[in-house]
Amino acid sequence: MKDQKQTAVFAGGCFWCTEALLKGLKGVISAEPGYTGGQKENPTYEDVCSGSTGHAEAVKIEFDPSFISYSVLLSVFFNIHNPTTLNRQENDIGTQYRSAIFYTTEEQKKEAEDLIKELNKNKAYDVPVITEVVPLIKFYAAENYHRDYYENNKNKSYCQIVIAPKLAKLQEKYHELLTHTNRP
């Protein structure tokens, strides 16, 4: 049987948060924080934080579509961040925190664009969704200390104030999709 693994790449603010929220979903094989969508080759965290590289903080998800579909991943993605704010997620401000979907197939592009049209048509938010839908050109893995940031730093203020409440909301809304209860 051929390998069923597929790739999805999402940018929805700080990658510490996005990784923590997506990696516990059934069917997600891995969640890797990194940088994409910019011009600089091999960017560092400091480069991306400067806002001069064009890259977004993103998370590359490897998933098994026999357990979780791309459309379900999209649904979760649109519920774990604010897709209506330009270059901002809460107190994280800059182009590196933009809302974007970096598609890896034409099917992913169509699904993402169709969902955005539906969300806007149904006025799911008070203002239009501004999430970019762009092709994935190159993904650069973030430095190792960014991996599993929440798991390794639960007591840090950012984790307590920003990530933990989002995990609680995820548990409430998508508990049937989670592999385990990940207590904030």
N, C-alpha and C. Protein backbone atom coordinates (compact mmCIF):
# COMPACT_ATOMS: atom_id res chain seq x y z
N MET A 1 0.85 -1.19 0.00
CA MET A 1 0.00 0.00 0.00
C MET A 1 0.88 1.24 0.00
N LYS A 2 0.51 2.22 -0.81
CA LYS A 2 1.36 3.40 -0.90
C LYS A 2 1.19 4.31 0.31
N ASP A 3 2.21 5.10 0.54
CA ASP A 3 2.24 6.02 1.68
C ASP A 3 1.11 7.04 1.53
N GLN A 4 0.30 7.16 2.55
CA GLN A 4 -0.85 8.07 2.52
C GLN A 4 -0.53 9.46 3.07
N LYS A 5 0.69 9.67 3.50
CA LYS A 5 1.05 10.94 4.15
C LYS A 5 0.91 12.11 3.19
N GLN A 6 0.32 13.21 3.68
CA GLN A 6 0.21 14.45 2.93
C GLN A 6 0.75 15.59 3.79
N THR A 7 0.99 16.73 3.14
CA THR A 7 1.55 17.90 3.81
C THR A 7 0.59 19.08 3.71
N ALA A 8 0.45 19.78 4.81
CA ALA A 8 -0.31 21.04 4.85
C ALA A 8 0.56 22.05 5.59
N VAL A 9 0.53 23.31 5.14
CA VAL A 9 1.32 24.35 5.79
C VAL A 9 0.41 25.53 6.09
N PHE A 10 0.37 25.91 7.37
CA PHE A 10 -0.49 26.99 7.83
C PHE A 10 0.30 28.03 8.61
N ALA A 11 -0.03 29.29 8.38
CA ALA A 11 0.52 30.40 9.16
C ALA A 11 -0.66 31.13 9.80
N GLY A 12 -0.64 31.19 11.12
CA GLY A 12 -1.75 31.82 11.83
C GLY A 12 -1.27 32.49 13.10
N GLY A 13 -0.23 33.29 12.95
CA GLY A 13 0.35 33.94 14.12
C GLY A 13 1.60 33.22 14.56
N CYS A 14 1.90 33.30 15.83
CA CYS A 14 3.10 32.67 16.38
C CYS A 14 3.06 31.16 16.18
N PHE A 15 4.14 30.61 15.66
CA PHE A 15 4.15 29.17 15.38
C PHE A 15 4.17 28.33 16.64
N TRP A 16 4.54 28.88 17.78
CA TRP A 16 4.47 28.11 19.02
C TRP A 16 3.03 27.69 19.29
N CYS A 17 2.13 28.63 19.08
CA CYS A 17 0.71 28.39 19.33
C CYS A 17 0.13 27.44 18.29
N THR A 18 0.39 27.72 17.02
CA THR A 18 -0.16 26.90 15.94
C THR A 18 0.30 25.45 16.07
N GLU A 19 1.58 25.26 16.37
CA GLU A 19 2.10 23.90 16.54
C GLU A 19 1.40 23.20 17.70
N ALA A 20 1.29 23.86 18.84
CA ALA A 20 0.68 23.26 20.02
C ALA A 20 -0.76 22.84 19.76
N LEU A 21 -1.47 23.63 18.97
CA LEU A 21 -2.87 23.35 18.72
C LEU A 21 -3.10 22.26 17.68
N LEU A 22 -2.25 22.18 16.68
CA LEU A 22 -2.48 21.22 15.60
C LEU A 22 -1.83 19.86 15.82
N LYS A 23 -0.77 19.80 16.60
CA LYS A 23 -0.03 18.54 16.68
C LYS A 23 -0.77 17.44 17.43
N GLY A 24 -1.76 17.78 18.23
CA GLY A 24 -2.50 16.77 18.98
C GLY A 24 -3.74 16.24 18.29
N LEU A 25 -3.93 16.57 17.02
CA LEU A 25 -5.10 16.08 16.29
C LEU A 25 -4.85 14.66 15.79
N LYS A 26 -5.87 13.82 15.86
CA LYS A 26 -5.78 12.46 15.34
C LYS A 26 -5.45 12.54 13.85
N GLY A 27 -4.47 11.78 13.43
CA GLY A 27 -4.08 11.77 12.03
C GLY A 27 -2.93 12.69 11.70
N VAL A 28 -2.59 13.59 12.62
CA VAL A 28 -1.42 14.46 12.41
C VAL A 28 -0.20 13.66 12.84
N ILE A 29 0.69 13.44 11.91
CA ILE A 29 1.89 12.65 12.15
C ILE A 29 2.97 13.51 12.78
N SER A 30 3.11 14.73 12.26
CA SER A 30 4.10 15.66 12.82
C SER A 30 3.67 17.09 12.56
N ALA A 31 4.16 17.98 13.39
CA ALA A 31 3.93 19.42 13.24
C ALA A 31 5.27 20.10 13.47
N GLU A 32 5.77 20.77 12.45
CA GLU A 32 7.10 21.37 12.50
C GLU A 32 7.03 22.88 12.31
N PRO A 33 7.48 23.66 13.29
CA PRO A 33 7.50 25.11 13.11
C PRO A 33 8.61 25.52 12.14
N GLY A 34 8.34 26.58 11.40
CA GLY A 34 9.34 27.07 10.46
C GLY A 34 8.93 28.37 9.81
N TYR A 35 9.58 28.65 8.71
CA TYR A 35 9.40 29.92 8.01
C TYR A 35 9.14 29.65 6.53
N THR A 36 8.23 30.42 5.94
CA THR A 36 7.95 30.29 4.51
C THR A 36 7.28 31.55 3.99
N GLY A 37 7.29 31.68 2.68
CA GLY A 37 6.59 32.78 2.04
C GLY A 37 7.43 34.02 1.81
N GLY A 38 8.72 33.95 2.08
CA GLY A 38 9.57 35.13 1.92
C GLY A 38 10.68 34.93 0.91
N GLN A 39 11.59 35.89 0.91
CA GLN A 39 12.65 35.90 -0.07
C GLN A 39 13.99 35.39 0.47
N LYS A 40 14.27 35.53 1.73
CA LYS A 40 15.58 35.20 2.27
C LYS A 40 15.76 33.69 2.41
N GLU A 41 16.88 33.19 1.89
CA GLU A 41 17.19 31.77 2.05
C GLU A 41 17.73 31.52 3.46
N ASN A 42 17.34 30.38 4.02
CA ASN A 42 17.81 29.95 5.33
C ASN A 42 17.66 31.03 6.41
N PRO A 43 16.47 31.58 6.56
CA PRO A 43 16.29 32.64 7.56
C PRO A 43 16.40 32.09 8.98
N THR A 44 16.80 32.96 9.89
CA THR A 44 16.81 32.64 11.31
C THR A 44 15.58 33.28 11.95
N TYR A 45 15.33 32.91 13.19
CA TYR A 45 14.23 33.51 13.93
C TYR A 45 14.40 35.03 14.02
N GLU A 46 15.61 35.47 14.29
CA GLU A 46 15.89 36.90 14.39
C GLU A 46 15.63 37.59 13.05
N ASP A 47 16.02 36.96 11.94
CA ASP A 47 15.76 37.52 10.61
C ASP A 47 14.26 37.71 10.40
N VAL A 48 13.51 36.67 10.68
CA VAL A 48 12.06 36.70 10.43
C VAL A 48 11.39 37.71 11.35
N CYS A 49 11.80 37.76 12.62
CA CYS A 49 11.22 38.72 13.57
C CYS A 49 11.48 40.16 13.17
N SER A 50 12.52 40.40 12.39
CA SER A 50 12.81 41.77 11.94
C SER A 50 11.75 42.27 10.97
N GLY A 51 10.99 41.34 10.38
CA GLY A 51 9.96 41.72 9.43
C GLY A 51 10.50 42.03 8.03
N SER A 52 11.78 41.82 7.82
CA SER A 52 12.38 42.20 6.54
C SER A 52 12.54 41.05 5.55
N THR A 53 12.20 39.84 5.94
CA THR A 53 12.43 38.68 5.06
C THR A 53 11.24 38.32 4.19
N GLY A 54 10.05 38.79 4.58
CA GLY A 54 8.83 38.40 3.88
C GLY A 54 8.28 37.06 4.33
N HIS A 55 9.01 36.36 5.19
CA HIS A 55 8.55 35.06 5.66
C HIS A 55 7.49 35.20 6.75
N ALA A 56 6.65 34.18 6.82
CA ALA A 56 5.68 34.06 7.91
C ALA A 56 6.14 32.93 8.82
N GLU A 57 5.85 33.05 10.10
CA GLU A 57 6.01 31.91 11.00
C GLU A 57 4.90 30.94 10.63
N ALA A 58 5.26 29.71 10.33
CA ALA A 58 4.29 28.73 9.85
C ALA A 58 4.56 27.38 10.49
N VAL A 59 3.62 26.47 10.30
CA VAL A 59 3.77 25.11 10.79
C VAL A 59 3.46 24.16 9.64
N LYS A 60 4.41 23.25 9.40
CA LYS A 60 4.23 22.22 8.36
C LYS A 60 3.68 20.98 9.04
N ILE A 61 2.52 20.58 8.60
CA ILE A 61 1.82 19.43 9.15
C ILE A 61 1.97 18.26 8.18
N GLU A 62 2.42 17.14 8.69
CA GLU A 62 2.36 15.88 7.93
C GLU A 62 1.16 15.15 8.52
N PHE A 63 0.24 14.72 7.64
CA PHE A 63 -0.97 14.08 8.14
C PHE A 63 -1.38 12.90 7.28
N ASP A 64 -2.16 12.02 7.89
CA ASP A 64 -2.68 10.85 7.20
C ASP A 64 -4.15 11.13 6.88
N PRO A 65 -4.48 11.32 5.60
CA PRO A 65 -5.85 11.68 5.24
C PRO A 65 -6.88 10.57 5.50
N SER A 66 -6.42 9.36 5.82
CA SER A 66 -7.38 8.32 6.18
C SER A 66 -7.88 8.53 7.62
N PHE A 67 -7.19 9.39 8.38
CA PHE A 67 -7.62 9.71 9.75
C PHE A 67 -8.18 11.13 9.87
N ILE A 68 -7.62 12.06 9.13
CA ILE A 68 -8.08 13.45 9.18
C ILE A 68 -7.96 14.05 7.78
N SER A 69 -9.00 14.70 7.33
CA SER A 69 -8.99 15.26 5.99
C SER A 69 -8.41 16.68 6.00
N TYR A 70 -8.00 17.12 4.84
CA TYR A 70 -7.51 18.48 4.70
C TYR A 70 -8.61 19.48 5.06
N SER A 71 -9.85 19.17 4.69
CA SER A 71 -10.95 20.08 5.00
C SER A 71 -11.16 20.22 6.50
N VAL A 72 -10.95 19.14 7.26
CA VAL A 72 -11.05 19.24 8.72
C VAL A 72 -9.90 20.08 9.27
N LEU A 73 -8.69 19.87 8.73
CA LEU A 73 -7.56 20.71 9.15
C LEU A 73 -7.85 22.18 8.88
N LEU A 74 -8.43 22.47 7.72
CA LEU A 74 -8.79 23.87 7.41
C LEU A 74 -9.79 24.41 8.42
N SER A 75 -10.79 23.62 8.75
CA SER A 75 -11.80 24.05 9.71
C SER A 75 -11.16 24.39 11.06
N VAL A 76 -10.29 23.51 11.53
CA VAL A 76 -9.61 23.76 12.80
C VAL A 76 -8.75 25.02 12.68
N PHE A 77 -7.99 25.13 11.60
CA PHE A 77 -7.13 26.30 11.38
C PHE A 77 -7.92 27.60 11.49
N PHE A 78 -9.09 27.66 10.85
CA PHE A 78 -9.87 28.89 10.89
C PHE A 78 -10.51 29.15 12.25
N ASN A 79 -10.52 28.15 13.11
CA ASN A 79 -11.08 28.32 14.45
C ASN A 79 -10.04 28.58 15.52
N ILE A 80 -8.75 28.44 15.20
CA ILE A 80 -7.72 28.63 16.23
C ILE A 80 -6.97 29.94 16.09
N HIS A 81 -7.34 30.75 15.11
CA HIS A 81 -6.71 32.07 14.97
C HIS A 81 -7.73 33.03 14.36
N ASN A 82 -7.37 34.29 14.27
CA ASN A 82 -8.25 35.28 13.68
C ASN A 82 -7.83 35.52 12.23
N PRO A 83 -8.61 34.99 11.27
CA PRO A 83 -8.24 35.12 9.87
C PRO A 83 -8.68 36.44 9.24
N THR A 84 -9.09 37.39 10.08
CA THR A 84 -9.60 38.66 9.55
C THR A 84 -8.68 39.85 9.84
N THR A 85 -7.61 39.62 10.56
CA THR A 85 -6.70 40.72 10.89
C THR A 85 -5.46 40.65 10.01
N LEU A 86 -5.07 41.76 9.47
CA LEU A 86 -3.91 41.83 8.58
C LEU A 86 -2.63 41.91 9.41
N ASN A 87 -1.76 40.94 9.22
CA ASN A 87 -0.43 40.94 9.84
C ASN A 87 -0.47 41.07 11.35
N ARG A 88 -1.43 40.37 11.96
CA ARG A 88 -1.56 40.47 13.41
C ARG A 88 -2.36 39.30 13.97
N GLN A 89 -1.90 38.79 15.10
CA GLN A 89 -2.65 37.84 15.91
C GLN A 89 -2.45 38.29 17.35
N GLU A 90 -3.50 38.82 17.92
CA GLU A 90 -3.47 39.37 19.28
C GLU A 90 -2.33 40.39 19.40
N ASN A 91 -1.37 40.17 20.31
CA ASN A 91 -0.29 41.14 20.49
C ASN A 91 0.90 40.91 19.56
N ASP A 92 0.85 39.86 18.76
CA ASP A 92 1.92 39.59 17.79
C ASP A 92 1.61 40.36 16.51
N ILE A 93 2.47 41.32 16.19
CA ILE A 93 2.21 42.22 15.06
C ILE A 93 3.38 42.18 14.09
N GLY A 94 3.06 42.10 12.81
CA GLY A 94 4.07 42.11 11.75
C GLY A 94 3.69 41.12 10.66
N THR A 95 4.30 41.26 9.49
CA THR A 95 3.97 40.38 8.37
C THR A 95 4.28 38.92 8.69
N GLN A 96 5.20 38.68 9.60
CA GLN A 96 5.54 37.31 9.96
C GLN A 96 4.41 36.61 10.71
N TYR A 97 3.40 37.37 11.15
CA TYR A 97 2.26 36.81 11.88
C TYR A 97 0.99 36.80 11.04
N ARG A 98 1.13 36.96 9.73
CA ARG A 98 -0.05 36.99 8.86
C ARG A 98 -0.75 35.63 8.80
N SER A 99 -2.00 35.68 8.40
CA SER A 99 -2.79 34.48 8.20
C SER A 99 -2.59 34.02 6.77
N ALA A 100 -2.10 32.78 6.60
CA ALA A 100 -1.84 32.28 5.25
C ALA A 100 -1.93 30.76 5.21
N ILE A 101 -2.36 30.28 4.06
CA ILE A 101 -2.37 28.86 3.76
C ILE A 101 -1.41 28.68 2.59
N PHE A 102 -0.40 27.86 2.80
CA PHE A 102 0.59 27.58 1.75
C PHE A 102 0.24 26.19 1.20
N TYR A 103 -0.45 26.18 0.08
CA TYR A 103 -0.94 24.91 -0.45
C TYR A 103 0.16 24.13 -1.16
N THR A 104 0.01 22.80 -1.12
CA THR A 104 0.98 21.91 -1.76
C THR A 104 0.40 21.21 -2.98
N THR A 105 -0.92 21.31 -3.18
CA THR A 105 -1.58 20.72 -4.35
C THR A 105 -2.67 21.68 -4.83
N GLU A 106 -3.08 21.51 -6.06
CA GLU A 106 -4.18 22.32 -6.59
C GLU A 106 -5.48 22.03 -5.85
N GLU A 107 -5.66 20.80 -5.38
CA GLU A 107 -6.85 20.44 -4.61
C GLU A 107 -6.90 21.22 -3.30
N GLN A 108 -5.74 21.35 -2.64
CA GLN A 108 -5.69 22.14 -1.41
C GLN A 108 -6.03 23.60 -1.70
N LYS A 109 -5.50 24.13 -2.77
CA LYS A 109 -5.78 25.52 -3.14
C LYS A 109 -7.29 25.71 -3.30
N LYS A 110 -7.92 24.82 -4.07
CA LYS A 110 -9.36 24.95 -4.32
C LYS A 110 -10.16 24.83 -3.03
N GLU A 111 -9.82 23.84 -2.18
CA GLU A 111 -10.54 23.68 -0.91
C GLU A 111 -10.42 24.93 -0.04
N ALA A 112 -9.21 25.48 0.04
CA ALA A 112 -8.99 26.67 0.87
C ALA A 112 -9.76 27.86 0.32
N GLU A 113 -9.66 28.10 -0.99
CA GLU A 113 -10.36 29.24 -1.60
C GLU A 113 -11.87 29.09 -1.48
N ASP A 114 -12.38 27.87 -1.68
CA ASP A 114 -13.82 27.64 -1.55
C ASP A 114 -14.30 27.88 -0.12
N LEU A 115 -13.52 27.44 0.86
CA LEU A 115 -13.91 27.64 2.25
C LEU A 115 -13.91 29.13 2.60
N ILE A 116 -12.91 29.86 2.15
CA ILE A 116 -12.86 31.31 2.42
C ILE A 116 -14.07 32.00 1.79
N LYS A 117 -14.41 31.63 0.57
CA LYS A 117 -15.60 32.21 -0.09
C LYS A 117 -16.86 31.91 0.73
N GLU A 118 -16.97 30.68 1.21
CA GLU A 118 -18.13 30.28 2.01
C GLU A 118 -18.18 31.04 3.33
N LEU A 119 -17.04 31.16 4.01
CA LEU A 119 -17.00 31.90 5.27
C LEU A 119 -17.42 33.35 5.06
N ASN A 120 -16.93 33.97 3.99
CA ASN A 120 -17.28 35.36 3.71
C ASN A 120 -18.75 35.49 3.30
N LYS A 121 -19.22 34.57 2.46
CA LYS A 121 -20.62 34.60 2.02
C LYS A 121 -21.57 34.46 3.20
N ASN A 122 -21.22 33.56 4.11
CA ASN A 122 -22.08 33.31 5.28
C ASN A 122 -21.81 34.27 6.44
N LYS A 123 -20.92 35.22 6.22
CA LYS A 123 -20.57 36.21 7.24
C LYS A 123 -20.22 35.53 8.57
N ALA A 124 -19.33 34.54 8.47
CA ALA A 124 -18.87 33.80 9.65
C ALA A 124 -18.15 34.72 10.63
N TYR A 125 -17.59 35.79 10.12
CA TYR A 125 -16.89 36.79 10.93
C TYR A 125 -17.52 38.15 10.63
N ASP A 126 -17.33 39.09 11.53
CA ASP A 126 -17.90 40.43 11.35
C ASP A 126 -17.29 41.17 10.16
N VAL A 127 -16.07 40.81 9.82
CA VAL A 127 -15.37 41.41 8.68
C VAL A 127 -14.85 40.27 7.80
N PRO A 128 -14.48 40.56 6.55
CA PRO A 128 -14.04 39.49 5.64
C PRO A 128 -12.75 38.79 6.07
N VAL A 129 -12.66 37.52 5.72
CA VAL A 129 -11.44 36.74 5.91
C VAL A 129 -10.39 37.26 4.92
N ILE A 130 -9.18 37.49 5.41
CA ILE A 130 -8.11 38.03 4.56
C ILE A 130 -6.95 37.03 4.43
N THR A 131 -7.17 35.81 4.83
CA THR A 131 -6.14 34.77 4.76
C THR A 131 -5.63 34.63 3.33
N GLU A 132 -4.30 34.68 3.17
CA GLU A 132 -3.68 34.46 1.86
C GLU A 132 -3.72 32.97 1.53
N VAL A 133 -3.92 32.65 0.26
CA VAL A 133 -3.81 31.28 -0.22
C VAL A 133 -2.75 31.31 -1.32
N VAL A 134 -1.57 30.79 -1.00
CA VAL A 134 -0.42 30.89 -1.91
C VAL A 134 0.31 29.55 -1.96
N PRO A 135 1.02 29.30 -3.05
CA PRO A 135 1.73 28.02 -3.16
C PRO A 135 2.92 27.96 -2.20
N LEU A 136 3.17 26.77 -1.69
CA LEU A 136 4.36 26.54 -0.87
C LEU A 136 5.54 26.42 -1.82
N ILE A 137 6.50 27.31 -1.69
CA ILE A 137 7.70 27.26 -2.52
C ILE A 137 8.82 26.54 -1.76
N LYS A 138 9.12 27.03 -0.58
CA LYS A 138 10.20 26.46 0.23
C LYS A 138 9.84 26.66 1.70
N PHE A 139 10.02 25.62 2.49
CA PHE A 139 9.78 25.69 3.93
C PHE A 139 11.11 25.50 4.63
N TYR A 140 11.43 26.41 5.53
CA TYR A 140 12.67 26.34 6.31
C TYR A 140 12.31 25.98 7.75
N ALA A 141 12.84 24.89 8.24
CA ALA A 141 12.58 24.48 9.61
C ALA A 141 13.15 25.52 10.57
N ALA A 142 12.40 25.80 11.62
CA ALA A 142 12.86 26.73 12.65
C ALA A 142 13.94 26.05 13.50
N GLU A 143 14.63 26.85 14.26
CA GLU A 143 15.65 26.36 15.17
C GLU A 143 15.02 25.36 16.15
N ASN A 144 15.81 24.40 16.61
CA ASN A 144 15.30 23.31 17.46
C ASN A 144 14.56 23.79 18.70
N TYR A 145 14.97 24.90 19.30
CA TYR A 145 14.32 25.32 20.54
C TYR A 145 12.87 25.77 20.34
N HIS A 146 12.45 25.94 19.08
CA HIS A 146 11.05 26.28 18.81
C HIS A 146 10.14 25.05 18.77
N ARG A 147 10.73 23.88 18.54
CA ARG A 147 9.94 22.64 18.49
C ARG A 147 9.36 22.32 19.86
N ASP A 148 8.10 21.94 19.88
CA ASP A 148 7.42 21.58 21.13
C ASP A 148 7.56 22.68 22.18
N TYR A 149 7.51 23.91 21.73
CA TYR A 149 7.75 25.04 22.63
C TYR A 149 6.78 25.02 23.81
N TYR A 150 5.51 24.83 23.54
CA TYR A 150 4.53 24.82 24.63
C TYR A 150 4.82 23.69 25.61
N GLU A 151 5.03 22.50 25.09
CA GLU A 151 5.30 21.34 25.96
C GLU A 151 6.52 21.58 26.85
N ASN A 152 7.52 22.24 26.32
CA ASN A 152 8.77 22.46 27.07
C ASN A 152 8.78 23.73 27.91
N ASN A 153 7.75 24.57 27.75
CA ASN A 153 7.75 25.88 28.43
C ASN A 153 6.37 26.25 28.99
N LYS A 154 5.61 25.29 29.45
CA LYS A 154 4.24 25.54 29.90
C LYS A 154 4.12 26.63 30.96
N ASN A 155 5.14 26.82 31.75
CA ASN A 155 5.06 27.81 32.83
C ASN A 155 5.43 29.22 32.41
N LYS A 156 5.92 29.40 31.19
CA LYS A 156 6.26 30.76 30.71
C LYS A 156 4.98 31.54 30.47
N SER A 157 5.06 32.84 30.67
CA SER A 157 3.86 33.67 30.60
C SER A 157 3.16 33.59 29.24
N TYR A 158 3.89 33.59 28.13
CA TYR A 158 3.25 33.51 26.81
C TYR A 158 2.43 32.23 26.70
N CYS A 159 2.97 31.15 27.19
CA CYS A 159 2.26 29.87 27.13
C CYS A 159 1.00 29.89 27.99
N GLN A 160 1.10 30.48 29.18
CA GLN A 160 -0.04 30.55 30.10
C GLN A 160 -1.12 31.51 29.60
N ILE A 161 -0.70 32.65 29.07
CA ILE A 161 -1.65 33.70 28.69
C ILE A 161 -2.25 33.50 27.31
N VAL A 162 -1.46 33.01 26.36
CA VAL A 162 -1.92 32.91 24.97
C VAL A 162 -2.26 31.47 24.57
N ILE A 163 -1.35 30.54 24.78
CA ILE A 163 -1.54 29.19 24.26
C ILE A 163 -2.53 28.38 25.08
N ALA A 164 -2.40 28.38 26.40
CA ALA A 164 -3.27 27.55 27.25
C ALA A 164 -4.76 27.84 27.03
N PRO A 165 -5.20 29.10 26.97
CA PRO A 165 -6.63 29.34 26.72
C PRO A 165 -7.08 28.82 25.35
N LYS A 166 -6.21 28.90 24.34
CA LYS A 166 -6.57 28.40 23.02
C LYS A 166 -6.65 26.87 23.03
N LEU A 167 -5.77 26.23 23.79
CA LEU A 167 -5.86 24.77 23.93
C LEU A 167 -7.17 24.36 24.60
N ALA A 168 -7.57 25.11 25.62
CA ALA A 168 -8.83 24.81 26.30
C ALA A 168 -10.01 24.95 25.34
N LYS A 169 -9.99 25.98 24.50
CA LYS A 169 -11.05 26.20 23.50
C LYS A 169 -11.05 25.07 22.48
N LEU A 170 -9.86 24.64 22.06
CA LEU A 170 -9.74 23.54 21.10
C LEU A 170 -10.31 22.26 21.70
N GLN A 171 -9.99 21.98 22.95
CA GLN A 171 -10.51 20.79 23.63
C GLN A 171 -12.02 20.81 23.69
N GLU A 172 -12.57 21.97 23.96
CA GLU A 172 -14.02 22.09 24.07
C GLU A 172 -14.71 21.87 22.73
N LYS A 173 -14.18 22.49 21.68
CA LYS A 173 -14.83 22.45 20.38
C LYS A 173 -14.52 21.20 19.57
N TYR A 174 -13.29 20.68 19.69
CA TYR A 174 -12.84 19.57 18.83
C TYR A 174 -12.35 18.36 19.63
N HIS A 175 -12.90 18.13 20.81
CA HIS A 175 -12.41 17.05 21.67
C HIS A 175 -12.38 15.70 20.96
N GLU A 176 -13.32 15.46 20.05
CA GLU A 176 -13.36 14.16 19.36
C GLU A 176 -12.21 14.00 18.37
N LEU A 177 -11.54 15.09 18.00
CA LEU A 177 -10.43 15.02 17.05
C LEU A 177 -9.07 14.90 17.74
N LEU A 178 -9.03 15.05 19.05
CA LEU A 178 -7.76 15.06 19.77
C LEU A 178 -7.29 13.65 20.11
N THR A 179 -5.99 13.43 20.03
CA THR A 179 -5.43 12.13 20.35
C THR A 179 -5.39 11.89 21.85
N HIS A 180 -5.25 12.95 22.60
CA HIS A 180 -5.20 12.85 24.05
C HIS A 180 -5.64 14.19 24.64
N THR A 181 -5.98 14.18 25.88
CA THR A 181 -6.33 15.45 26.53
C THR A 181 -5.04 16.16 26.87
N ASN A 182 -4.86 17.28 26.24
CA ASN A 182 -3.66 18.09 26.45
C ASN A 182 -4.04 19.25 27.37
N ARG A 183 -3.88 19.06 28.64
CA ARG A 183 -4.30 20.08 29.61
C ARG A 183 -3.45 21.33 29.53
N PRO A 184 -4.09 22.49 29.46
CA PRO A 184 -3.33 23.75 29.47
C PRO A 184 -2.64 23.97 30.80
